[in-house]
């Protein structure tokens, strides 16, 4: 679940940026995969707790969206390599 959520979020962002002829945001700065992993982990946790499926989806999506908005609001991003973009 974690791998699929990270790959889906990252892949979707890369495709979007390629269509717009931009350097993919995931390579420059962003929180795509981290927010997706948080959402995926929340899904695993709610599934482990045996909560009903619609509630799992709502809680997981909310966690990912909240993580993304919090990162944008607080200016959080992953560490950058030296000499990168």
Protein backbone atom coordinates (compact mmCIF):
# COMPACT_ATOMS: atom_id res chain seq x y z
CA UNK A 1 0.00 0.00 0.00
CA UNK A 2 2.77 2.43 0.89
CA UNK A 3 4.72 1.74 -2.28
CA UNK A 4 1.68 2.02 -4.54
CA UNK A 5 0.55 5.27 -2.92
CA UNK A 6 3.98 6.86 -3.28
CA UNK A 7 4.42 5.66 -6.87
CA UNK A 8 0.96 6.87 -7.90
CA UNK A 9 1.42 10.32 -6.41
CA UNK A 10 4.93 10.75 -7.76
CA UNK A 11 4.10 9.35 -11.20
CA UNK A 12 1.04 11.56 -11.56
CA UNK A 13 3.02 14.66 -10.66
CA UNK A 14 5.83 13.78 -13.06
CA UNK A 15 3.41 13.17 -15.93
CA UNK A 16 1.68 16.49 -15.23
CA UNK A 17 4.98 18.38 -15.21
CA UNK A 18 6.19 16.65 -18.38
CA UNK A 19 3.00 17.62 -20.19
CA UNK A 20 3.58 21.21 -19.06
CA UNK A 21 7.24 20.97 -20.19
CA UNK A 22 8.56 21.77 -16.73
CA UNK A 23 11.18 20.14 -14.55
CA UNK A 24 9.21 17.69 -12.39
CA UNK A 25 8.41 19.18 -8.99
CA UNK A 26 9.32 15.93 -7.31
CA UNK A 27 12.91 16.52 -8.47
CA UNK A 28 13.00 20.17 -7.38
CA UNK A 29 11.03 20.48 -4.20
CA UNK A 30 7.88 18.98 -2.92
CA UNK A 31 6.17 16.71 -0.51
CA UNK A 32 4.25 14.46 -2.95
CA UNK A 33 5.59 11.07 -1.92
CA UNK A 34 5.76 11.90 1.77
CA UNK A 35 2.12 12.97 1.89
CA UNK A 36 1.14 9.86 -0.07
CA UNK A 37 3.07 7.63 2.32
CA UNK A 38 1.31 9.29 5.27
CA UNK A 39 -2.04 8.59 3.59
CA UNK A 40 -1.02 4.99 2.85
CA UNK A 41 0.17 4.43 6.40
CA UNK A 42 -3.12 5.79 7.68
CA UNK A 43 -4.95 3.33 5.42
CA UNK A 44 -2.88 0.46 6.81
CA UNK A 45 -3.55 1.58 10.38
CA UNK A 46 -7.30 1.96 9.90
CA UNK A 47 -7.42 -1.41 8.12
CA UNK A 48 -5.51 -3.01 11.01
CA UNK A 49 -8.05 -1.53 13.42
CA UNK A 50 -10.77 -3.13 11.25
CA UNK A 51 -12.70 0.09 10.70
CA UNK A 52 -15.27 0.15 7.91
CA UNK A 53 -13.95 0.83 4.43
CA UNK A 54 -15.61 4.21 3.68
CA UNK A 55 -14.24 5.55 6.95
CA UNK A 56 -10.75 4.22 6.08
CA UNK A 57 -10.82 6.03 2.75
CA UNK A 58 -12.03 9.32 4.24
CA UNK A 59 -9.48 9.28 7.06
CA UNK A 60 -6.60 8.28 4.76
CA UNK A 61 -7.41 10.87 2.12
CA UNK A 62 -7.82 13.53 4.80
CA UNK A 63 -4.45 12.65 6.33
CA UNK A 64 -2.69 12.92 2.96
CA UNK A 65 -4.43 16.18 2.08
CA UNK A 66 -3.72 17.67 5.50
CA UNK A 67 -0.04 16.66 5.25
CA UNK A 68 0.24 18.28 1.81
CA UNK A 69 -1.45 21.51 2.87
CA UNK A 70 0.57 21.67 6.09
CA UNK A 71 3.79 21.24 4.09
CA UNK A 72 2.76 24.04 1.72
CA UNK A 73 1.73 26.34 4.58
CA UNK A 74 4.87 25.71 6.64
CA UNK A 75 7.20 25.62 3.63
CA UNK A 76 8.32 22.05 4.32
CA UNK A 77 10.12 20.08 1.65
CA UNK A 78 12.52 17.21 1.41
CA UNK A 79 16.24 17.97 1.75
CA UNK A 80 17.93 19.04 -1.46
CA UNK A 81 21.16 17.62 -2.83
CA UNK A 82 24.06 20.01 -3.16
CA UNK A 83 24.23 21.70 -6.51
CA UNK A 84 20.70 20.69 -7.43
CA UNK A 85 18.07 22.81 -9.12
